[in-house]
Amino acid sequence: MRFTRKVNFQLQGTDAAWSRPQRAAITAVLAAGVVAVSAMTLAPRVVAHDNGRGRACTERTLRGDYGGLASGVRLVPFGPNAGKPETIISTSLRTYDGAGGFTEAGADLHGQLTGVTVDPGGIFGSYDVNADCTGTSTRYVPGVPFPIVSNFVIVDSGREVKEAVMAPAPNVITVEWDRQ
């Protein structure tokens, strides 16, 4: 299709024929569209970094006592079944200090091969929290020759922590911590 002067003139004439209220309405609709698109693209970033209280997470987000329930599969770290995989379930009480450290008590574990292991005491660790409420923890258990490293996410304004063991690699264990 070829545009001629007549067509161009008609388009210009149409623009010129719009009344002032129509032009204002079009401007308002375009502005609303820009605001809506901006809100849709920016809102997820704000929410992802918001712990429900209008600010980002820090080590201070985790403080106090959290009851934990862990389950999964691990390699037996000691004894006659060392190196064999076993299904486990465990309960414990973790106390976060709000400054990057924690201790655990009552960490009783029941393994399908090892049976019940009662808390040896002395479990401790450290944790780092990212502004987006994710983080990592490193746990040291007496008698276990390696640290246990986990990734976690803080939810429900710091009242819950969902954690998954990342190392040692053969272990597949998840833990849910709930503030007491």
Foldseek 3Di string as FASTA:
>chain_A
DDDDPVNVVVVVVVVVPDDPVRVVVVVVVVVVVVVVVVCVVCVVVQVLLDQPPRFFDWLLLAFAKWKKKKWFKDAPQDDPRGRPIWTKIWIWIWGRHSPFKIFIAQTWMATPPPGIDTQPDDKMWGKTADSSQKIKIWIDGPPRPGIWIWIWGAHDSSQKIWIFTPPPPVITMIMIIGHD
